[in-house]
C-alpha atoms as a PDB file:
ATOM      1  CA  MET A   1       9.385   3.890  16.617  1.00  0.00           C
ATOM      2  CA  LYS A   2      13.041   4.890  16.769  1.00  0.00           C
ATOM      3  CA  ILE A   3      13.393   7.861  14.432  1.00  0.00           C
ATOM      4  CA  PRO A   4      16.969   8.866  13.523  1.00  0.00           C
ATOM      5  CA  HIS A   5      18.176  12.166  14.971  1.00  0.00           C
ATOM      6  CA  GLY A   6      19.254  13.032  11.452  1.00  0.00           C
ATOM      7  CA  MET A   7      19.363  11.538   7.954  1.00  0.00           C
ATOM      8  CA  LEU A   8      21.465  12.277   4.920  1.00  0.00           C
ATOM      9  CA  ARG A   9      19.134  11.572   2.000  1.00  0.00           C
ATOM     10  CA  ILE A  10      21.372  10.304  -0.794  1.00  0.00           C
ATOM     11  CA  GLY A  11      18.634   9.268  -3.198  1.00  0.00           C
ATOM     12  CA  TYR A  12      15.798   6.859  -3.872  1.00  0.00           C
ATOM     13  CA  PRO A  13      16.752   5.077  -7.100  1.00  0.00           C
ATOM     14  CA  TYR A  14      14.573   2.782  -9.173  1.00  0.00           C
ATOM     15  CA  VAL A  15      15.625  -0.869  -8.828  1.00  0.00           C
ATOM     16  CA  ASN A  16      13.466  -3.205 -10.889  1.00  0.00           C
ATOM     17  CA  THR A  17      10.054  -4.105 -12.292  1.00  0.00           C
ATOM     18  CA  VAL A  18       8.295  -7.442 -11.798  1.00  0.00           C
ATOM     19  CA  GLY A  19       5.093  -8.796 -13.281  1.00  0.00           C
ATOM     20  CA  MET A  20       3.195  -8.179 -16.502  1.00  0.00           C
ATOM     21  CA  ARG A  21      -0.389  -8.125 -17.721  1.00  0.00           C
ATOM     22  CA  ARG A  22      -0.647 -11.886 -18.241  1.00  0.00           C
ATOM     23  CA  LEU A  23       0.525 -12.542 -14.650  1.00  0.00           C
ATOM     24  CA  THR A  24      -0.296  -9.539 -12.475  1.00  0.00           C
ATOM     25  CA  SER A  25      -3.389  -7.998 -14.043  1.00  0.00           C
ATOM     26  CA  CYS A  26      -4.502  -4.890 -12.130  1.00  0.00           C
ATOM     27  CA  PRO A  27      -2.407  -5.268  -8.933  1.00  0.00           C
ATOM     28  CA  ILE A  28      -3.818  -3.453  -5.905  1.00  0.00           C
ATOM     29  CA  SER A  29      -1.715  -4.644  -2.940  1.00  0.00           C
ATOM     30  CA  VAL A  30       1.723  -6.136  -2.237  1.00  0.00           C
ATOM     31  CA  VAL A  31       3.202  -7.746   0.852  1.00  0.00           C
ATOM     32  CA  VAL A  32       6.739  -9.041   1.286  1.00  0.00           C
ATOM     33  CA  GLY A  33       6.929 -12.715   2.206  1.00  0.00           C
ATOM     34  CA  ASP A  34       8.813 -14.339   5.067  1.00  0.00           C
ATOM     35  CA  ASP A  35      11.474 -14.759   2.417  1.00  0.00           C
ATOM     36  CA  PRO A  36      12.238 -11.106   1.573  1.00  0.00           C
ATOM     37  CA  ASN A  37      12.971 -12.202  -1.986  1.00  0.00           C
ATOM     38  CA  GLU A  38       9.308 -13.126  -2.508  1.00  0.00           C
ATOM     39  CA  LEU A  39       6.286 -10.894  -3.029  1.00  0.00           C
ATOM     40  CA  HIS A  40       2.592 -11.718  -2.592  1.00  0.00           C
ATOM     41  CA  ILE A  41       0.612  -9.605  -5.042  1.00  0.00           C
ATOM     42  CA  MET A  42      -3.166  -9.181  -4.923  1.00  0.00           C
ATOM     43  CA  CYS A  43      -4.577  -8.625  -8.408  1.00  0.00           C
ATOM     44  CA  ARG A  44      -8.191  -7.602  -8.931  1.00  0.00           C
ATOM     45  CA  LEU A  45     -10.307  -7.241 -12.026  1.00  0.00           C
ATOM     46  CA  GLU A  46     -13.914  -8.073 -12.775  1.00  0.00           C
ATOM     47  CA  GLY A  47     -14.512 -11.782 -12.371  1.00  0.00           C
ATOM     48  CA  SER A  48     -11.086 -12.603 -10.970  1.00  0.00           C
ATOM     49  CA  VAL A  49      -9.213 -11.814  -7.782  1.00  0.00           C
ATOM     50  CA  ASN A  50      -5.990 -13.688  -7.173  1.00  0.00           C
ATOM     51  CA  ILE A  51      -2.860 -13.547  -5.067  1.00  0.00           C
ATOM     52  CA  ARG A  52       0.269 -14.300  -7.065  1.00  0.00           C
ATOM     53  CA  ARG A  53       3.733 -15.044  -5.724  1.00  0.00           C
ATOM     54  CA  LEU A  54       6.697 -13.589  -7.606  1.00  0.00           C
ATOM     55  CA  THR A  55      10.347 -13.398  -6.657  1.00  0.00           C
ATOM     56  CA  LEU A  56      12.295 -10.168  -7.001  1.00  0.00           C
ATOM     57  CA  ASP A  57      13.900 -11.835 -10.027  1.00  0.00           C
ATOM     58  CA  ASP A  58      10.390 -12.111 -11.541  1.00  0.00           C
ATOM     59  CA  GLU A  59      10.125 -15.879 -11.177  1.00  0.00           C
ATOM     60  CA  ASP A  60       6.491 -16.994 -11.025  1.00  0.00           C
ATOM     61  CA  LYS A  61       5.722 -19.144  -7.964  1.00  0.00           C
ATOM     62  CA  GLY A  62       2.032 -19.638  -8.732  1.00  0.00           C
ATOM     63  CA  ALA A  63      -1.241 -18.025  -7.681  1.00  0.00           C
ATOM     64  CA  PHE A  64      -4.589 -18.752  -6.086  1.00  0.00           C
ATOM     65  CA  ASN A  65      -7.926 -17.237  -7.031  1.00  0.00           C
ATOM     66  CA  LEU A  66      -9.992 -15.935  -4.126  1.00  0.00           C
ATOM     67  CA  LEU A  67     -13.192 -16.233  -6.143  1.00  0.00           C
ATOM     68  CA  GLY A  68     -12.918 -19.943  -6.945  1.00  0.00           C
ATOM     69  CA  ALA A  69     -10.326 -22.515  -7.938  1.00  0.00           C
ATOM     70  CA  ILE A  70      -6.815 -21.921  -6.705  1.00  0.00           C
ATOM     71  CA  THR A  71      -4.210 -22.509  -9.370  1.00  0.00           C
ATOM     72  CA  GLN A  72      -0.776 -23.465  -8.144  1.00  0.00           C
ATOM     73  CA  ILE A  73       2.307 -25.134  -9.515  1.00  0.00           C
ATOM     74  CA  GLY A  74       1.549 -28.811  -9.115  1.00  0.00           C
ATOM     75  CA  GLY A  75      -2.198 -28.671  -8.477  1.00  0.00           C
ATOM     76  CA  SER A  76      -5.294 -26.767  -7.394  1.00  0.00           C
ATOM     77  CA  PHE A  77      -7.789 -26.601  -4.525  1.00  0.00           C
ATOM     78  CA  LYS A  78     -10.685 -24.482  -3.257  1.00  0.00           C
ATOM     79  CA  VAL A  79     -10.849 -21.535  -0.874  1.00  0.00           C
ATOM     80  CA  LYS A  80     -13.636 -22.331   1.595  1.00  0.00           C
ATOM     81  CA  ALA A  81     -14.572 -18.751   2.411  1.00  0.00           C
ATOM     82  CA  ASP A  82     -16.650 -15.856   1.172  1.00  0.00           C
ATOM     83  CA  PHE A  83     -14.844 -13.308  -1.023  1.00  0.00           C
ATOM     84  CA  LEU A  84     -16.311 -10.830  -3.487  1.00  0.00           C
ATOM     85  CA  TRP A  85     -14.187  -7.679  -3.910  1.00  0.00           C
ATOM     86  CA  PRO A  86     -11.015  -7.782  -1.737  1.00  0.00           C
ATOM     87  CA  SER A  87      -9.434  -4.359  -1.449  1.00  0.00           C
ATOM     88  CA  GLY A  88      -6.421  -4.592   0.871  1.00  0.00           C
ATOM     89  CA  MET A  89      -3.933  -7.027   2.354  1.00  0.00           C
ATOM     90  CA  VAL A  90      -1.283  -7.079   5.097  1.00  0.00           C
ATOM     91  CA  LYS A  91       0.902  -9.794   6.625  1.00  0.00           C
ATOM     92  CA  ASP A  92       1.294 -10.424  10.356  1.00  0.00           C
ATOM     93  CA  SER A  93       4.333 -11.581  12.338  1.00  0.00           C
ATOM     94  CA  THR A  94       3.287 -15.238  11.990  1.00  0.00           C
ATOM     95  CA  GLY A  95       3.271 -15.061   8.196  1.00  0.00           C
ATOM     96  CA  HIS A  96      -0.524 -15.028   7.788  1.00  0.00           C
ATOM     97  CA  LEU A  97      -2.275 -12.732   5.342  1.00  0.00           C
ATOM     98  CA  TRP A  98      -5.141 -10.486   6.485  1.00  0.00           C
ATOM     99  CA  ILE A  99      -7.542  -9.421   3.744  1.00  0.00           C
ATOM    100  CA  VAL A 100     -10.290  -6.817   3.852  1.00  0.00           C
ATOM    101  CA  ASP A 101     -13.209  -7.242   1.434  1.00  0.00           C
ATOM    102  CA  GLU A 102     -15.408  -4.256   0.610  1.00  0.00           C
ATOM    103  CA  GLY A 103     -17.907  -6.480  -1.203  1.00  0.00           C
ATOM    104  CA  THR A 104     -18.643  -8.877   1.660  1.00  0.00           C
ATOM    105  CA  HIS A 105     -17.828  -6.405   4.483  1.00  0.00           C
ATOM    106  CA  LYS A 106     -15.575  -9.057   6.034  1.00  0.00           C
ATOM    107  CA  ILE A 107     -12.020  -9.540   7.296  1.00  0.00           C
ATOM    108  CA  SER A 108     -10.201 -12.807   6.531  1.00  0.00           C
ATOM    109  CA  LYS A 109      -7.067 -14.432   7.902  1.00  0.00           C
ATOM    110  CA  MET A 110      -5.359 -16.956   5.633  1.00  0.00           C
ATOM    111  CA  THR A 111      -2.087 -18.745   5.054  1.00  0.00           C
ATOM    112  CA  ILE A 112       0.154 -17.818   2.144  1.00  0.00           C
ATOM    113  CA  GLU A 113      -0.916 -21.102   0.530  1.00  0.00           C
ATOM    114  CA  GLY A 114      -4.550 -19.952   0.472  1.00  0.00           C
ATOM    115  CA  GLU A 115      -6.069 -21.764   3.446  1.00  0.00           C
ATOM    116  CA  VAL A 116      -8.575 -19.539   5.267  1.00  0.00           C
ATOM    117  CA  VAL A 117      -8.020 -19.670   9.035  1.00  0.00           C
ATOM    118  CA  ASN A 118     -10.722 -17.247  10.156  1.00  0.00           C
ATOM    119  CA  GLN A 119     -13.269 -14.876   8.658  1.00  0.00           C
ATOM    120  CA  TRP A 120     -15.533 -12.376  10.393  1.00  0.00           C
ATOM    121  CA  GLY A 121     -17.484  -9.180   9.835  1.00  0.00           C
ATOM    122  CA  ALA A 122     -21.034  -8.018   9.202  1.00  0.00           C
ATOM    123  CA  TYR A 123     -22.667  -5.229   7.194  1.00  0.00           C
ATOM    124  CA  GLY A 124     -24.148  -2.287   9.065  1.00  0.00           C
ATOM    125  CA  THR A 125     -23.626   1.066  10.756  1.00  0.00           C
ATOM    126  CA  LYS A 126     -23.473   0.038  14.403  1.00  0.00           C
ATOM    127  CA  ALA A 127     -20.208  -0.166  16.331  1.00  0.00           C
ATOM    128  CA  GLY A 128     -18.311  -3.199  15.085  1.00  0.00           C
ATOM    129  CA  GLU A 129     -20.259  -3.421  11.807  1.00  0.00           C
ATOM    130  CA  LEU A 130     -18.737  -2.492   8.454  1.00  0.00           C
ATOM    131  CA  ASN A 131     -19.819  -0.799   5.243  1.00  0.00           C
ATOM    132  CA  ARG A 132     -17.444  -1.352   2.324  1.00  0.00           C
ATOM    133  CA  PRO A 133     -14.193  -1.436   4.317  1.00  0.00           C
ATOM    134  CA  SER A 134     -11.222  -0.781   2.053  1.00  0.00           C
ATOM    135  CA  GLY A 135      -8.072  -0.408   4.173  1.00  0.00           C
ATOM    136  CA  ILE A 136      -6.464  -2.675   6.755  1.00  0.00           C
ATOM    137  CA  ALA A 137      -3.445  -2.404   9.065  1.00  0.00           C
ATOM    138  CA  LEU A 138      -2.054  -4.142  12.145  1.00  0.00           C
ATOM    139  CA  ASP A 139      -0.747  -2.503  15.306  1.00  0.00           C
ATOM    140  CA  LYS A 140       2.185  -3.975  17.209  1.00  0.00           C
ATOM    141  CA  GLU A 141      -0.184  -5.909  19.513  1.00  0.00           C
ATOM    142  CA  GLY A 142      -1.691  -7.633  16.483  1.00  0.00           C
ATOM    143  CA  ASN A 143      -5.010  -5.780  16.578  1.00  0.00           C
ATOM    144  CA  ILE A 144      -6.787  -5.132  13.270  1.00  0.00           C
ATOM    145  CA  VAL A 145      -7.381  -1.498  12.289  1.00  0.00           C
ATOM    146  CA  VAL A 146      -9.854  -0.995   9.447  1.00  0.00           C
ATOM    147  CA  SER A 147     -10.926   1.906   7.244  1.00  0.00           C
ATOM    148  CA  ASP A 148     -14.711   1.564   7.413  1.00  0.00           C
ATOM    149  CA  THR A 149     -15.054   3.555   4.225  1.00  0.00           C
ATOM    150  CA  MET A 150     -18.760   4.173   3.692  1.00  0.00           C
ATOM    151  CA  ASN A 151     -19.324   4.649   7.430  1.00  0.00           C
ATOM    152  CA  HIS A 152     -16.595   7.326   7.292  1.00  0.00           C
ATOM    153  CA  ARG A 153     -14.779   6.029  10.343  1.00  0.00           C
ATOM    154  CA  ILE A 154     -11.910   3.907  11.640  1.00  0.00           C
ATOM    155  CA  GLN A 155     -12.533   0.800  13.724  1.00  0.00           C
ATOM    156  CA  LYS A 156     -10.196  -1.409  15.733  1.00  0.00           C
ATOM    157  CA  PHE A 157     -10.762  -5.110  16.418  1.00  0.00           C
ATOM    158  CA  THR A 158      -8.890  -7.916  18.120  1.00  0.00           C
ATOM    159  CA  LYS A 159      -7.484 -10.597  15.833  1.00  0.00           C
ATOM    160  CA  ASP A 160     -10.557 -12.698  16.682  1.00  0.00           C
ATOM    161  CA  GLY A 161     -12.921  -9.980  15.507  1.00  0.00           C
ATOM    162  CA  ALA A 162     -13.981  -8.512  18.857  1.00  0.00           C
ATOM    163  CA  TYR A 163     -14.749  -4.808  18.535  1.00  0.00           C
ATOM    164  CA  GLN A 164     -12.511  -2.500  20.614  1.00  0.00           C
ATOM    165  CA  HIS A 165     -13.296   1.055  19.622  1.00  0.00           C
ATOM    166  CA  GLY A 166     -13.703   3.428  16.697  1.00  0.00           C
ATOM    167  CA  PHE A 167     -13.599   7.077  15.761  1.00  0.00           C
ATOM    168  CA  GLY A 168     -14.534   9.428  12.947  1.00  0.00           C
ATOM    169  CA  SER A 169     -17.632  10.882  11.316  1.00  0.00           C
ATOM    170  CA  GLN A 170     -18.420  12.201   7.857  1.00  0.00           C
ATOM    171  CA  GLY A 171     -17.197  15.708   7.146  1.00  0.00           C
ATOM    172  CA  GLU A 172     -14.230  17.874   6.317  1.00  0.00           C
ATOM    173  CA  ASP A 173     -13.462  19.402   9.702  1.00  0.00           C
ATOM    174  CA  PRO A 174     -10.336  18.353  11.646  1.00  0.00           C
ATOM    175  CA  GLY A 175     -10.714  14.731  12.705  1.00  0.00           C
ATOM    176  CA  GLN A 176     -13.651  14.083  10.384  1.00  0.00           C
ATOM    177  CA  LEU A 177     -13.376  11.731   7.403  1.00  0.00           C
ATOM    178  CA  ASN A 178     -14.890  11.405   3.955  1.00  0.00           C
ATOM    179  CA  MET A 179     -14.515   7.919   2.495  1.00  0.00           C
ATOM    180  CA  PRO A 180     -11.232   6.945   4.197  1.00  0.00           C
ATOM    181  CA  TRP A 181      -9.323   4.394   2.142  1.00  0.00           C
ATOM    182  CA  GLY A 182      -5.739   3.348   2.927  1.00  0.00           C
ATOM    183  CA  ILE A 183      -4.484   3.126   6.509  1.00  0.00           C
ATOM    184  CA  ASP A 184      -1.306   2.378   8.444  1.00  0.00           C
ATOM    185  CA  VAL A 185      -0.180   2.212  12.074  1.00  0.00           C
ATOM    186  CA  ASP A 186       3.320   3.135  13.271  1.00  0.00           C
ATOM    187  CA  ASP A 187       5.242   1.454  16.096  1.00  0.00           C
ATOM    188  CA  ASP A 188       3.932   4.030  18.582  1.00  0.00           C
ATOM    189  CA  GLY A 189       0.322   3.141  17.781  1.00  0.00           C
ATOM    190  CA  ASN A 190      -0.402   6.299  15.792  1.00  0.00           C
ATOM    191  CA  ILE A 191      -2.896   5.781  12.963  1.00  0.00           C
ATOM    192  CA  TYR A 192      -2.454   7.358   9.526  1.00  0.00           C
ATOM    193  CA  VAL A 193      -5.507   7.589   7.275  1.00  0.00           C
ATOM    194  CA  ALA A 194      -5.774   8.386   3.571  1.00  0.00           C
ATOM    195  CA  ASP A 195      -8.810  10.681   3.762  1.00  0.00           C
ATOM    196  CA  TRP A 196      -9.790  10.073   0.130  1.00  0.00           C
ATOM    197  CA  ARG A 197     -12.524  12.597  -0.589  1.00  0.00           C
ATOM    198  CA  ASN A 198     -10.897  15.285   1.580  1.00  0.00           C
ATOM    199  CA  ASP A 199      -7.561  14.989  -0.271  1.00  0.00           C
ATOM    200  CA  ARG A 200      -5.443  14.780   2.852  1.00  0.00           C
ATOM    201  CA  ILE A 201      -3.674  12.399   5.194  1.00  0.00           C
ATOM    202  CA  GLN A 202      -4.681  12.575   8.840  1.00  0.00           C
ATOM    203  CA  LYS A 203      -2.550  11.280  11.694  1.00  0.00           C
ATOM    204  CA  PHE A 204      -4.337  10.234  14.901  1.00  0.00           C
ATOM    205  CA  ASP A 205      -3.166   8.815  18.191  1.00  0.00           C
ATOM    206  CA  SER A 206      -4.385   5.353  19.163  1.00  0.00           C
ATOM    207  CA  GLU A 207      -7.544   6.822  20.711  1.00  0.00           C
ATOM    208  CA  GLY A 208      -8.509   8.780  17.611  1.00  0.00           C
ATOM    209  CA  ASN A 209      -7.300  12.252  18.568  1.00  0.00           C
ATOM    210  CA  GLN A 210      -5.972  14.139  15.552  1.00  0.00           C
ATOM    211  CA  ILE A 211      -2.241  14.900  15.734  1.00  0.00           C
ATOM    212  CA  MET A 212      -1.321  16.175  12.274  1.00  0.00           C
ATOM    213  CA  VAL A 213      -2.562  16.735   8.735  1.00  0.00           C
ATOM    214  CA  VAL A 214      -0.347  15.978   5.748  1.00  0.00           C
ATOM    215  CA  GLY A 215      -1.110  17.694   2.455  1.00  0.00           C
ATOM    216  CA  SER A 216      -1.907  21.239   1.411  1.00  0.00           C
ATOM    217  CA  GLY A 217      -5.187  20.728  -0.420  1.00  0.00           C
ATOM    218  CA  THR A 218      -6.451  19.475  -3.749  1.00  0.00           C
ATOM    219  CA  GLY A 219      -4.240  19.774  -6.819  1.00  0.00           C
ATOM    220  CA  ASP A 220      -1.269  18.363  -8.679  1.00  0.00           C
ATOM    221  CA  SER A 221       1.588  20.477  -7.348  1.00  0.00           C
ATOM    222  CA  ASP A 222       4.032  19.128  -4.770  1.00  0.00           C
ATOM    223  CA  GLY A 223       2.312  18.368  -1.473  1.00  0.00           C
ATOM    224  CA  LYS A 224      -1.209  18.460  -2.909  1.00  0.00           C
ATOM    225  CA  PHE A 225      -3.386  15.415  -3.558  1.00  0.00           C
ATOM    226  CA  ASN A 226      -6.038  14.215  -5.934  1.00  0.00           C
ATOM    227  CA  ARG A 227      -7.767  11.291  -4.205  1.00  0.00           C
ATOM    228  CA  PRO A 228      -5.022   9.764  -2.030  1.00  0.00           C
ATOM    229  CA  SER A 229      -5.719   6.041  -1.789  1.00  0.00           C
ATOM    230  CA  ALA A 230      -2.993   4.704   0.514  1.00  0.00           C
ATOM    231  CA  VAL A 231      -0.453   5.711   3.147  1.00  0.00           C
ATOM    232  CA  LYS A 232       2.515   3.842   4.602  1.00  0.00           C
ATOM    233  CA  ILE A 233       5.080   4.699   7.286  1.00  0.00           C
ATOM    234  CA  ASP A 234       8.651   3.395   7.120  1.00  0.00           C
ATOM    235  CA  ARG A 235      11.043   2.667   9.981  1.00  0.00           C
ATOM    236  CA  ASP A 236      12.369   6.255   9.887  1.00  0.00           C
ATOM    237  CA  GLY A 237       8.907   7.747  10.243  1.00  0.00           C
ATOM    238  CA  ASP A 238       8.773   8.908   6.616  1.00  0.00           C
ATOM    239  CA  ILE A 239       5.249   9.055   5.168  1.00  0.00           C
ATOM    240  CA  TYR A 240       4.479   7.590   1.718  1.00  0.00           C
ATOM    241  CA  VAL A 241       1.232   8.583   0.027  1.00  0.00           C
ATOM    242  CA  THR A 242      -0.304   7.018  -3.063  1.00  0.00           C
ATOM    243  CA  ASP A 243      -1.654  10.061  -4.913  1.00  0.00           C
ATOM    244  CA  TRP A 244      -4.019   7.966  -7.009  1.00  0.00           C
ATOM    245  CA  ALA A 245      -5.560  10.394  -9.512  1.00  0.00           C
ATOM    246  CA  ASN A 246      -2.235  12.239  -9.937  1.00  0.00           C
ATOM    247  CA  HIS A 247      -0.559   8.916 -10.874  1.00  0.00           C
ATOM    248  CA  ARG A 248       2.308   9.272  -8.404  1.00  0.00           C
ATOM    249  CA  ILE A 249       3.702   8.508  -4.971  1.00  0.00           C
ATOM    250  CA  GLN A 250       4.627  11.412  -2.689  1.00  0.00           C
ATOM    251  CA  LEU A 251       7.108  11.174   0.174  1.00  0.00           C
ATOM    252  CA  PHE A 252       6.880  13.357   3.296  1.00  0.00           C
ATOM    253  CA  GLY A 253       9.062  13.676   6.378  1.00  0.00           C
ATOM    254  CA  THR A 254       7.921  12.864   9.901  1.00  0.00           C
ATOM    255  CA  ASP A 255       6.628  16.414  10.402  1.00  0.00           C
ATOM    256  CA  GLY A 256       4.642  16.317   7.156  1.00  0.00           C
ATOM    257  CA  HIS A 257       6.949  18.393   4.952  1.00  0.00           C
ATOM    258  CA  PHE A 258       7.201  17.376   1.284  1.00  0.00           C
ATOM    259  CA  VAL A 259      10.401  15.508   0.376  1.00  0.00           C
ATOM    260  CA  GLU A 260      10.085  13.853  -3.019  1.00  0.00           C
ATOM    261  CA  LYS A 261       7.691  12.495  -5.622  1.00  0.00           C
ATOM    262  CA  PHE A 262       7.850   9.374  -7.775  1.00  0.00           C
ATOM    263  CA  ILE A 263       6.126   9.243 -11.164  1.00  0.00           C
ATOM    264  CA  GLY A 264       7.425   5.900 -12.426  1.00  0.00           C
ATOM    265  CA  ASP A 265      10.637   4.650 -14.037  1.00  0.00           C
ATOM    266  CA  ALA A 266       9.671   1.154 -15.182  1.00  0.00           C
ATOM    267  CA  THR A 267      11.708  -1.026 -17.462  1.00  0.00           C
ATOM    268  CA  LEU A 268      10.438  -4.285 -18.934  1.00  0.00           C
ATOM    269  CA  SER A 269      10.278  -7.090 -16.396  1.00  0.00           C
ATOM    270  CA  GLU A 270      11.926 -10.429 -17.091  1.00  0.00           C
ATOM    271  CA  GLN A 271       8.513 -11.943 -17.728  1.00  0.00           C
ATOM    272  CA  ALA A 272       7.620  -9.174 -20.169  1.00  0.00           C
ATOM    273  CA  ARG A 273      10.946  -9.492 -21.988  1.00  0.00           C
ATOM    274  CA  GLY A 274      10.425 -13.191 -22.506  1.00  0.00           C
ATOM    275  CA  TYR A 275       6.921 -12.575 -23.825  1.00  0.00           C
ATOM    276  CA  MET A 276       8.086  -9.850 -26.214  1.00  0.00           C
ATOM    277  CA  ILE A 277      10.870 -11.979 -27.637  1.00  0.00           C
ATOM    278  CA  THR A 278       8.402 -14.737 -28.530  1.00  0.00           C
ATOM    279  CA  ASN A 279       5.624 -12.416 -29.709  1.00  0.00           C
ATOM    280  CA  MET A 280       6.716 -10.367 -32.697  1.00  0.00           C
ATOM    281  CA  VAL A 281       3.495  -8.332 -32.871  1.00  0.00           C
ATOM    282  CA  ALA A 282       3.865  -7.131 -29.282  1.00  0.00           C
ATOM    283  CA  MET A 283       7.543  -6.399 -29.817  1.00  0.00           C
ATOM    284  CA  ARG A 284       6.871  -4.351 -32.969  1.00  0.00           C
ATOM    285  CA  LEU A 285       4.122  -2.391 -31.243  1.00  0.00           C
ATOM    286  CA  ARG A 286       6.503  -1.480 -28.420  1.00  0.00           C
ATOM    287  CA  GLU A 287       9.153  -0.560 -30.983  1.00  0.00           C
ATOM    288  CA  MET A 288       6.735   1.921 -32.561  1.00  0.00           C
ATOM    289  CA  THR A 289       5.671   3.509 -29.259  1.00  0.00           C
ATOM    290  CA  PRO A 290       7.536   6.214 -27.290  1.00  0.00           C
ATOM    291  CA  ILE A 291       9.201   4.670 -24.244  1.00  0.00           C
ATOM    292  CA  GLU A 292       8.831   7.607 -21.848  1.00  0.00           C
ATOM    293  CA  PRO A 293       5.056   7.295 -21.221  1.00  0.00           C
ATOM    294  CA  GLN A 294       5.432   3.547 -20.708  1.00  0.00           C
ATOM    295  CA  LYS A 295       7.716   4.128 -17.708  1.00  0.00           C
ATOM    296  CA  ARG A 296       5.171   6.134 -15.731  1.00  0.00           C
ATOM    297  CA  PHE A 297       2.696   5.024 -13.075  1.00  0.00           C
ATOM    298  CA  ARG A 298      -0.904   4.604 -14.171  1.00  0.00           C
ATOM    299  CA  TRP A 299      -3.462   4.701 -11.348  1.00  0.00           C
ATOM    300  CA  PRO A 300      -1.288   3.284  -8.555  1.00  0.00           C
ATOM    301  CA  VAL A 301      -3.606   2.087  -5.793  1.00  0.00           C
ATOM    302  CA  SER A 302      -1.279   1.433  -2.862  1.00  0.00           C
ATOM    303  CA  VAL A 303       2.335   1.414  -1.721  1.00  0.00           C
ATOM    304  CA  THR A 304       4.318  -0.987   0.463  1.00  0.00           C
ATOM    305  CA  VAL A 305       7.533  -0.224   2.340  1.00  0.00           C
ATOM    306  CA  HIS A 306       9.723  -2.945   3.805  1.00  0.00           C
ATOM    307  CA  ASP A 307      13.173  -2.252   5.230  1.00  0.00           C
ATOM    308  CA  ASP A 308      14.550   0.299   2.751  1.00  0.00           C
ATOM    309  CA  TYR A 309      12.525  -0.820  -0.263  1.00  0.00           C
ATOM    310  CA  MET A 310       9.361   0.653  -1.730  1.00  0.00           C
ATOM    311  CA  TYR A 311       6.981  -1.492  -3.815  1.00  0.00           C
ATOM    312  CA  VAL A 312       4.335   0.216  -5.954  1.00  0.00           C
ATOM    313  CA  PRO A 313       1.460  -1.782  -7.513  1.00  0.00           C
ATOM    314  CA  ASP A 314       1.216  -0.031 -10.875  1.00  0.00           C
ATOM    315  CA  PHE A 315      -2.456  -0.872 -11.403  1.00  0.00           C
ATOM    316  CA  GLY A 316      -2.966   0.478 -14.919  1.00  0.00           C
ATOM    317  CA  SER A 317       0.201  -1.118 -16.285  1.00  0.00           C
ATOM    318  CA  CYS A 318      -0.166  -4.452 -14.442  1.00  0.00           C
ATOM    319  CA  ARG A 319       3.274  -4.521 -12.817  1.00  0.00           C
ATOM    320  CA  ILE A 320       5.163  -3.747  -9.616  1.00  0.00           C
ATOM    321  CA  GLN A 321       7.825  -1.031  -9.599  1.00  0.00           C
ATOM    322  CA  ILE A 322      10.530  -1.300  -6.931  1.00  0.00           C
ATOM    323  CA  TYR A 323      12.704   1.481  -5.458  1.00  0.00           C
ATOM    324  CA  LYS A 324      15.396   1.530  -2.764  1.00  0.00           C
ATOM    325  CA  LYS A 325      15.840   4.210  -0.126  1.00  0.00           C
ATOM    326  CA  ASN A 326      19.474   5.264   0.168  1.00  0.00           C
ATOM    327  CA  VAL A 327      20.186   7.233   3.344  1.00  0.00           C
ATOM    328  CA  VAL A 328      22.779   7.565   6.090  1.00  0.00           C
ATOM    329  CA  ARG A 329      21.199   7.589   9.553  1.00  0.00           C
ATOM    330  CA  PHE A 330      22.717   9.496  12.473  1.00  0.00           C
ATOM    331  CA  SER A 331      22.157   9.247  16.210  1.00  0.00           C
ATOM    332  CA  LYS A 332      22.054  12.304  18.463  1.00  0.00           C
ATOM    333  CA  GLY A 333      25.741  12.088  19.272  1.00  0.00           C
ATOM    334  CA  GLU A 334      26.749  11.908  15.619  1.00  0.00           C
ATOM    335  CA  ILE A 335      25.148  15.056  14.205  1.00  0.00           C
ATOM    336  CA  ALA A 336      24.203  18.554  15.316  1.00  0.00           C
ATOM    337  CA  ASP A 337      20.599  19.593  15.972  1.00  0.00           C
ATOM    338  CA  LYS A 338      18.476  20.891  13.118  1.00  0.00           C
ATOM    339  CA  PRO A 339      18.998  24.572  12.164  1.00  0.00           C
ATOM    340  CA  ARG A 340      16.389  27.013  13.390  1.00  0.00           C
ATOM    341  CA  SER A 341      15.564  28.128   9.850  1.00  0.00           C
ATOM    342  CA  ASN A 342      15.081  25.783   6.916  1.00  0.00           C
ATOM    343  CA  SER A 343      15.631  28.684   4.519  1.00  0.00           C
ATOM    344  CA  LEU A 344      19.381  28.588   5.151  1.00  0.00           C
ATOM    345  CA  TYR A 345      20.862  25.759   3.150  1.00  0.00           C
ATOM    346  CA  THR A 346      23.626  24.870   0.761  1.00  0.00           C
ATOM    347  CA  GLN A 347      22.803  22.915  -2.381  1.00  0.00           C
ATOM    348  CA  PHE A 348      25.409  20.404  -3.494  1.00  0.00           C
END
C-alpha cells in the first residue's frame, strides 16, 4: 500500500443518498460494480434477503432474492444454492461477489446476475470449520479471510475453500477476540478486525501477530466505540470504523489517531422524492416531522470505501449515504516531514 508522505485534509462532504424503504429495506452491505456508477446493495430482513442494483443517480436496475425467486427487469429465475442469513459481501477483481452466511456457515461465490459459481463451508470448531461467520475480505492474492464470529477467530482460505491458517481465541487480552464481526485486508496483507464485544479494532499482520489497536475503550466520545461492526481501509491507509450502537462512522489515520466522525447528512433520494410526490399522506407526515433527526444514521452496519468515496448502508433508515474524501496528497519531495510534536499547530 502506497501511503502518501503527507495529506492536506480539505474535507469529507456529503454527496448524495440512494435507495428507500420500498427498494433497499435494511441494507447491510454495499459493493461498487465494475461500472463505478452502479452499486450492489445487500438488504436483509426476516424472510427476505436480496441484492439490489442502483446507480448513483438512484435508478433501479433490479434485484434478486437469495432466499428464493430472483426478480429482475425482464424476468426471474432461481438461485441454486443454500442461503439463510447472509451477513457480508465483497467483490473480487473478476467482478464476482463473495458472500458470507452466518446462518448456513458457508461462503458463496456468485455472478452479479445471481448465478452461484461455488459454495463451501461447514459448521464446527475445528480448523477450517465455521460458526456463524459474519465478515469477509479478500487479500491481494484472492484468498478469502473470514471473521469466524462464534469461534472468536479469523480464518483464511483459498478461493476454492482450502483452509490455510487461522488465529485468535476468545478473550480481551492483546490478540484475543470476542465475537469479531467486520474485517478488511490492506495491500500489504495486514488484517483489520472489528472486535465487536471488546469495542476495539485490532490490526494484525498476515500471520496473526497483533500490530496495533485502534480505539480507546467503550463509550460515545471521539475515539471510543460501542459495538463496532465493520472496518475498512482506503488507499491512503485511513481506517473507517462503523460504530454501530453509537450510530456513526469514525475515521482514523494510519497510526490509529482519531480524525473525524460522521453522524449522517441524508437528503431524500430520487426514489423517495418520487414516492412522496405521489403519496400525499407520506409527504404530509414528513412535513410535520423535524428534518434534523431524519438526516442521521440509524444502526449503520458496515461501510465501503472505493477510490475517494465512502458508502454507508444506513440500516435503520433503509438507504445508502454517500460521501467524498477531498484531500491533496504529497510525496516525500513535496512536503516536509511531520513535526515532532502534534501539540504545535495553527488552526485556519
